Amino acid sequence: MDILFLKEFRIELIIGIYEWERKVPQPVMLDLEIGLRNSRAGETDRVDDTIDYGQVAARIQTTACALRPMLVEALAEHVAQLVLSEFDAPWVKVTVTKLAIVRGVKQLGICIERGQRL
């Protein structure tokens, strides 16, 4: 299976369980690996034969900011379901990272996989 990836996709959104986190958008880093149903794009050089990563990024940016999740788990699940349903991907791996949110911890987050690898 070919895998399309987006690394260090940074968005700013309201996320968190603490009152102070709910007041100001904070940076979150997303890493995605998206399984492709076929590998024809390498042969045809047509975007119609793959998943348009620009459209993926735009949809995530729009929907994630509107979501205002409490947990990184909820954001990861939202992104995974969006990719599976709207872009017809058979499999996706989503990593959500919050940056410098806990004293002494540079990064924290979650990594989930959904769907079926072909």
N, C-alpha and C. Protein backbone atom coordinates (compact mmCIF):
# COMPACT_ATOMS: atom_id res chain seq x y z
N MET A 1 0.85 -1.18 0.00
CA MET A 1 0.00 0.00 0.00
C MET A 1 0.89 1.24 0.00
N ASP A 2 0.57 2.18 -0.88
CA ASP A 2 1.25 3.46 -0.87
C ASP A 2 0.67 4.31 0.26
N ILE A 3 1.53 5.14 0.85
CA ILE A 3 1.11 5.97 1.97
C ILE A 3 1.48 7.42 1.70
N LEU A 4 0.48 8.26 1.67
CA LEU A 4 0.66 9.71 1.55
C LEU A 4 0.83 10.25 2.96
N PHE A 5 1.79 11.18 3.16
CA PHE A 5 1.97 11.69 4.52
C PHE A 5 2.04 13.20 4.55
N LEU A 6 1.58 13.74 5.67
CA LEU A 6 1.70 15.16 6.01
C LEU A 6 2.39 15.19 7.36
N LYS A 7 3.53 15.85 7.44
CA LYS A 7 4.32 15.90 8.67
C LYS A 7 4.38 17.33 9.20
N GLU A 8 4.32 17.44 10.50
CA GLU A 8 4.43 18.72 11.19
C GLU A 8 3.46 19.77 10.64
N PHE A 9 2.21 19.33 10.44
CA PHE A 9 1.13 20.19 10.00
C PHE A 9 0.65 20.95 11.25
N ARG A 10 0.95 22.22 11.29
CA ARG A 10 0.67 23.03 12.48
C ARG A 10 -0.64 23.79 12.32
N ILE A 11 -1.49 23.66 13.33
CA ILE A 11 -2.72 24.44 13.37
C ILE A 11 -2.84 25.07 14.75
N GLU A 12 -3.62 26.13 14.82
CA GLU A 12 -3.87 26.80 16.10
C GLU A 12 -5.36 26.67 16.38
N LEU A 13 -5.69 26.16 17.56
CA LEU A 13 -7.08 25.98 17.92
C LEU A 13 -7.24 25.97 19.43
N ILE A 14 -8.48 26.11 19.84
CA ILE A 14 -8.83 25.97 21.25
C ILE A 14 -8.91 24.48 21.53
N ILE A 15 -8.08 24.02 22.48
CA ILE A 15 -8.08 22.61 22.86
C ILE A 15 -7.59 22.52 24.30
N GLY A 16 -8.20 21.67 25.08
CA GLY A 16 -7.74 21.46 26.43
C GLY A 16 -8.88 21.37 27.43
N ILE A 17 -8.54 20.87 28.61
CA ILE A 17 -9.55 20.67 29.65
C ILE A 17 -9.53 21.77 30.70
N TYR A 18 -8.44 22.53 30.74
CA TYR A 18 -8.32 23.56 31.77
C TYR A 18 -8.89 24.89 31.27
N GLU A 19 -9.44 25.64 32.18
CA GLU A 19 -10.07 26.93 31.84
C GLU A 19 -9.11 27.82 31.06
N TRP A 20 -7.84 27.90 31.48
CA TRP A 20 -6.89 28.77 30.79
C TRP A 20 -6.61 28.30 29.37
N GLU A 21 -6.76 26.99 29.10
CA GLU A 21 -6.55 26.47 27.74
C GLU A 21 -7.72 26.83 26.81
N ARG A 22 -8.86 27.10 27.38
CA ARG A 22 -10.07 27.36 26.59
C ARG A 22 -10.19 28.82 26.19
N LYS A 23 -9.24 29.66 26.57
CA LYS A 23 -9.33 31.09 26.30
C LYS A 23 -8.58 31.55 25.06
N VAL A 24 -7.46 30.91 24.77
CA VAL A 24 -6.59 31.36 23.68
C VAL A 24 -6.21 30.15 22.82
N PRO A 25 -6.28 30.28 21.50
CA PRO A 25 -5.82 29.18 20.64
C PRO A 25 -4.36 28.84 20.93
N GLN A 26 -4.06 27.56 20.85
CA GLN A 26 -2.70 27.11 21.06
C GLN A 26 -2.25 26.25 19.88
N PRO A 27 -0.94 26.21 19.63
CA PRO A 27 -0.45 25.42 18.50
C PRO A 27 -0.52 23.93 18.79
N VAL A 28 -0.92 23.20 17.77
CA VAL A 28 -0.97 21.75 17.81
C VAL A 28 -0.31 21.26 16.52
N MET A 29 0.48 20.22 16.62
CA MET A 29 1.15 19.64 15.47
C MET A 29 0.46 18.33 15.11
N LEU A 30 0.15 18.16 13.83
CA LEU A 30 -0.45 16.92 13.34
C LEU A 30 0.52 16.24 12.39
N ASP A 31 0.62 14.93 12.51
CA ASP A 31 1.32 14.10 11.54
C ASP A 31 0.31 13.07 11.06
N LEU A 32 0.18 12.95 9.74
CA LEU A 32 -0.77 12.00 9.17
C LEU A 32 -0.06 11.08 8.20
N GLU A 33 -0.47 9.82 8.23
CA GLU A 33 -0.11 8.86 7.20
C GLU A 33 -1.43 8.33 6.67
N ILE A 34 -1.62 8.43 5.36
CA ILE A 34 -2.90 8.09 4.75
C ILE A 34 -2.67 7.00 3.70
N GLY A 35 -3.31 5.85 3.89
CA GLY A 35 -3.21 4.76 2.93
C GLY A 35 -3.97 5.09 1.66
N LEU A 36 -3.38 4.73 0.54
CA LEU A 36 -4.03 4.93 -0.76
C LEU A 36 -4.56 3.60 -1.28
N ARG A 37 -5.73 3.66 -1.89
CA ARG A 37 -6.37 2.44 -2.40
C ARG A 37 -5.61 1.85 -3.59
N ASN A 38 -4.91 2.69 -4.33
CA ASN A 38 -4.16 2.20 -5.49
C ASN A 38 -2.90 3.03 -5.66
N SER A 39 -2.04 2.61 -6.54
CA SER A 39 -0.79 3.32 -6.77
C SER A 39 -0.72 3.88 -8.19
N ARG A 40 -1.86 4.10 -8.81
CA ARG A 40 -1.89 4.56 -10.20
C ARG A 40 -1.30 5.95 -10.41
N ALA A 41 -1.34 6.81 -9.40
CA ALA A 41 -0.89 8.19 -9.57
C ALA A 41 0.57 8.27 -10.02
N GLY A 42 1.40 7.35 -9.58
CA GLY A 42 2.79 7.31 -10.01
C GLY A 42 2.94 7.03 -11.48
N GLU A 43 1.98 6.31 -12.03
CA GLU A 43 2.00 5.98 -13.46
C GLU A 43 1.30 7.05 -14.30
N THR A 44 0.17 7.55 -13.80
CA THR A 44 -0.65 8.47 -14.60
C THR A 44 -0.29 9.94 -14.39
N ASP A 45 0.33 10.26 -13.27
CA ASP A 45 0.67 11.65 -12.92
C ASP A 45 -0.57 12.53 -12.84
N ARG A 46 -1.69 11.93 -12.38
CA ARG A 46 -2.96 12.65 -12.26
C ARG A 46 -3.41 12.67 -10.80
N VAL A 47 -3.79 13.87 -10.34
CA VAL A 47 -4.25 14.01 -8.96
C VAL A 47 -5.55 13.24 -8.72
N ASP A 48 -6.31 12.99 -9.79
CA ASP A 48 -7.55 12.21 -9.65
C ASP A 48 -7.28 10.77 -9.22
N ASP A 49 -6.04 10.31 -9.38
CA ASP A 49 -5.69 8.94 -9.03
C ASP A 49 -5.03 8.83 -7.65
N THR A 50 -5.16 9.87 -6.86
CA THR A 50 -4.62 9.86 -5.51
C THR A 50 -5.51 10.70 -4.61
N ILE A 51 -5.06 11.01 -3.43
CA ILE A 51 -5.77 11.90 -2.51
C ILE A 51 -5.06 13.24 -2.54
N ASP A 52 -5.79 14.30 -2.77
CA ASP A 52 -5.23 15.65 -2.85
C ASP A 52 -4.89 16.13 -1.44
N TYR A 53 -3.60 16.17 -1.11
CA TYR A 53 -3.18 16.53 0.25
C TYR A 53 -3.53 17.97 0.58
N GLY A 54 -3.63 18.84 -0.42
CA GLY A 54 -4.05 20.22 -0.17
C GLY A 54 -5.48 20.28 0.34
N GLN A 55 -6.35 19.46 -0.25
CA GLN A 55 -7.74 19.40 0.20
C GLN A 55 -7.83 18.79 1.60
N VAL A 56 -7.01 17.78 1.87
CA VAL A 56 -6.99 17.18 3.21
C VAL A 56 -6.62 18.23 4.25
N ALA A 57 -5.54 18.95 3.98
CA ALA A 57 -5.07 19.97 4.93
C ALA A 57 -6.12 21.06 5.14
N ALA A 58 -6.75 21.50 4.06
CA ALA A 58 -7.76 22.56 4.17
C ALA A 58 -8.96 22.09 5.00
N ARG A 59 -9.43 20.86 4.77
CA ARG A 59 -10.58 20.34 5.52
C ARG A 59 -10.25 20.18 7.00
N ILE A 60 -9.06 19.69 7.29
CA ILE A 60 -8.67 19.53 8.69
C ILE A 60 -8.60 20.89 9.37
N GLN A 61 -7.98 21.85 8.71
CA GLN A 61 -7.84 23.20 9.26
C GLN A 61 -9.22 23.78 9.60
N THR A 62 -10.14 23.68 8.67
CA THR A 62 -11.48 24.25 8.85
C THR A 62 -12.26 23.54 9.95
N THR A 63 -12.29 22.22 9.91
CA THR A 63 -13.14 21.49 10.85
C THR A 63 -12.54 21.42 12.25
N ALA A 64 -11.22 21.29 12.35
CA ALA A 64 -10.59 21.18 13.67
C ALA A 64 -10.74 22.47 14.46
N CYS A 65 -10.60 23.60 13.80
CA CYS A 65 -10.73 24.88 14.50
C CYS A 65 -12.16 25.10 14.99
N ALA A 66 -13.12 24.62 14.24
CA ALA A 66 -14.52 24.75 14.64
C ALA A 66 -14.89 23.76 15.75
N LEU A 67 -14.17 22.66 15.83
CA LEU A 67 -14.48 21.59 16.78
C LEU A 67 -14.26 22.00 18.25
N ARG A 68 -13.18 22.70 18.53
CA ARG A 68 -12.82 23.12 19.89
C ARG A 68 -12.84 21.95 20.87
N PRO A 69 -12.07 20.90 20.60
CA PRO A 69 -12.10 19.70 21.45
C PRO A 69 -11.47 19.92 22.81
N MET A 70 -11.84 19.09 23.73
CA MET A 70 -11.25 19.10 25.07
C MET A 70 -9.96 18.27 25.05
N LEU A 71 -9.98 17.13 24.38
CA LEU A 71 -8.89 16.16 24.45
C LEU A 71 -8.19 15.98 23.10
N VAL A 72 -6.89 15.68 23.16
CA VAL A 72 -6.16 15.37 21.93
C VAL A 72 -6.73 14.10 21.30
N GLU A 73 -7.25 13.19 22.12
CA GLU A 73 -7.86 11.97 21.60
C GLU A 73 -9.05 12.30 20.71
N ALA A 74 -9.86 13.26 21.11
CA ALA A 74 -11.04 13.64 20.32
C ALA A 74 -10.62 14.29 19.01
N LEU A 75 -9.60 15.12 19.03
CA LEU A 75 -9.11 15.74 17.80
C LEU A 75 -8.56 14.68 16.85
N ALA A 76 -7.77 13.74 17.38
CA ALA A 76 -7.22 12.67 16.54
C ALA A 76 -8.33 11.84 15.91
N GLU A 77 -9.33 11.49 16.69
CA GLU A 77 -10.45 10.70 16.16
C GLU A 77 -11.21 11.47 15.08
N HIS A 78 -11.44 12.75 15.31
CA HIS A 78 -12.12 13.58 14.32
C HIS A 78 -11.35 13.59 13.00
N VAL A 79 -10.05 13.81 13.08
CA VAL A 79 -9.22 13.87 11.86
C VAL A 79 -9.22 12.52 11.16
N ALA A 80 -9.08 11.44 11.92
CA ALA A 80 -9.08 10.10 11.31
C ALA A 80 -10.39 9.81 10.58
N GLN A 81 -11.50 10.09 11.23
CA GLN A 81 -12.81 9.82 10.60
C GLN A 81 -13.03 10.70 9.37
N LEU A 82 -12.58 11.94 9.42
CA LEU A 82 -12.68 12.84 8.28
C LEU A 82 -11.92 12.27 7.08
N VAL A 83 -10.70 11.83 7.30
CA VAL A 83 -9.88 11.29 6.21
C VAL A 83 -10.49 10.01 5.65
N LEU A 84 -10.96 9.13 6.53
CA LEU A 84 -11.55 7.88 6.07
C LEU A 84 -12.84 8.12 5.29
N SER A 85 -13.69 8.98 5.78
CA SER A 85 -15.00 9.16 5.15
C SER A 85 -14.99 10.11 3.97
N GLU A 86 -14.35 11.26 4.09
CA GLU A 86 -14.40 12.26 3.02
C GLU A 86 -13.40 11.99 1.89
N PHE A 87 -12.33 11.28 2.18
CA PHE A 87 -11.31 11.05 1.16
C PHE A 87 -11.16 9.58 0.79
N ASP A 88 -12.07 8.77 1.31
CA ASP A 88 -12.14 7.35 0.96
C ASP A 88 -10.82 6.62 1.14
N ALA A 89 -10.09 6.97 2.17
CA ALA A 89 -8.85 6.27 2.48
C ALA A 89 -9.17 4.98 3.21
N PRO A 90 -8.46 3.89 2.93
CA PRO A 90 -8.73 2.64 3.64
C PRO A 90 -8.12 2.59 5.04
N TRP A 91 -7.07 3.43 5.27
CA TRP A 91 -6.34 3.40 6.53
C TRP A 91 -5.72 4.77 6.79
N VAL A 92 -5.65 5.15 8.05
CA VAL A 92 -5.01 6.41 8.40
C VAL A 92 -4.36 6.28 9.78
N LYS A 93 -3.23 6.93 9.91
CA LYS A 93 -2.55 7.05 11.20
C LYS A 93 -2.44 8.54 11.50
N VAL A 94 -2.92 8.95 12.67
CA VAL A 94 -2.94 10.36 13.06
C VAL A 94 -2.21 10.52 14.38
N THR A 95 -1.25 11.44 14.38
CA THR A 95 -0.56 11.81 15.61
C THR A 95 -0.87 13.26 15.90
N VAL A 96 -1.35 13.54 17.11
CA VAL A 96 -1.63 14.91 17.55
C VAL A 96 -0.66 15.22 18.68
N THR A 97 0.05 16.33 18.54
CA THR A 97 1.04 16.73 19.53
C THR A 97 0.75 18.14 20.03
N LYS A 98 0.62 18.27 21.35
CA LYS A 98 0.56 19.60 21.97
C LYS A 98 1.98 19.97 22.37
N LEU A 99 2.31 21.23 22.21
CA LEU A 99 3.69 21.67 22.40
C LEU A 99 3.85 22.43 23.71
N ALA A 100 4.82 22.02 24.52
CA ALA A 100 5.21 22.72 25.75
C ALA A 100 4.01 23.12 26.61
N ILE A 101 3.10 22.20 26.83
CA ILE A 101 1.89 22.51 27.59
C ILE A 101 2.05 22.14 29.07
N VAL A 102 2.92 21.18 29.38
CA VAL A 102 3.16 20.76 30.76
C VAL A 102 4.62 21.07 31.10
N ARG A 103 4.82 21.66 32.24
CA ARG A 103 6.18 22.03 32.66
C ARG A 103 7.10 20.82 32.60
N GLY A 104 8.23 21.00 31.92
CA GLY A 104 9.21 19.94 31.82
C GLY A 104 8.96 18.94 30.71
N VAL A 105 7.85 19.09 29.99
CA VAL A 105 7.51 18.18 28.89
C VAL A 105 7.47 18.99 27.60
N LYS A 106 8.34 18.66 26.68
CA LYS A 106 8.41 19.40 25.42
C LYS A 106 7.20 19.12 24.52
N GLN A 107 6.79 17.87 24.45
CA GLN A 107 5.65 17.48 23.62
C GLN A 107 4.85 16.40 24.32
N LEU A 108 3.53 16.41 24.08
CA LEU A 108 2.68 15.32 24.54
C LEU A 108 1.58 15.14 23.53
N GLY A 109 0.99 13.96 23.50
CA GLY A 109 -0.05 13.75 22.52
C GLY A 109 -0.51 12.32 22.43
N ILE A 110 -1.06 12.01 21.27
CA ILE A 110 -1.64 10.68 21.02
C ILE A 110 -1.39 10.30 19.57
N CYS A 111 -1.29 9.01 19.34
CA CYS A 111 -1.17 8.48 17.99
C CYS A 111 -2.21 7.38 17.84
N ILE A 112 -3.07 7.47 16.82
CA ILE A 112 -4.10 6.46 16.60
C ILE A 112 -4.02 5.95 15.16
N GLU A 113 -4.49 4.75 14.94
CA GLU A 113 -4.63 4.20 13.61
C GLU A 113 -6.07 3.72 13.47
N ARG A 114 -6.65 4.03 12.32
CA ARG A 114 -8.01 3.59 12.03
C ARG A 114 -8.07 3.03 10.61
N GLY A 115 -9.01 2.12 10.41
CA GLY A 115 -9.18 1.53 9.09
C GLY A 115 -8.37 0.25 8.95
N GLN A 116 -8.19 -0.16 7.71
CA GLN A 116 -7.54 -1.43 7.40
C GLN A 116 -6.43 -1.20 6.39
N ARG A 117 -5.22 -1.63 6.73
CA ARG A 117 -4.12 -1.58 5.74
C ARG A 117 -4.42 -2.58 4.64
N LEU A 118 -4.21 -2.16 3.42
CA LEU A 118 -4.45 -3.07 2.28
C LEU A 118 -3.22 -3.88 1.96
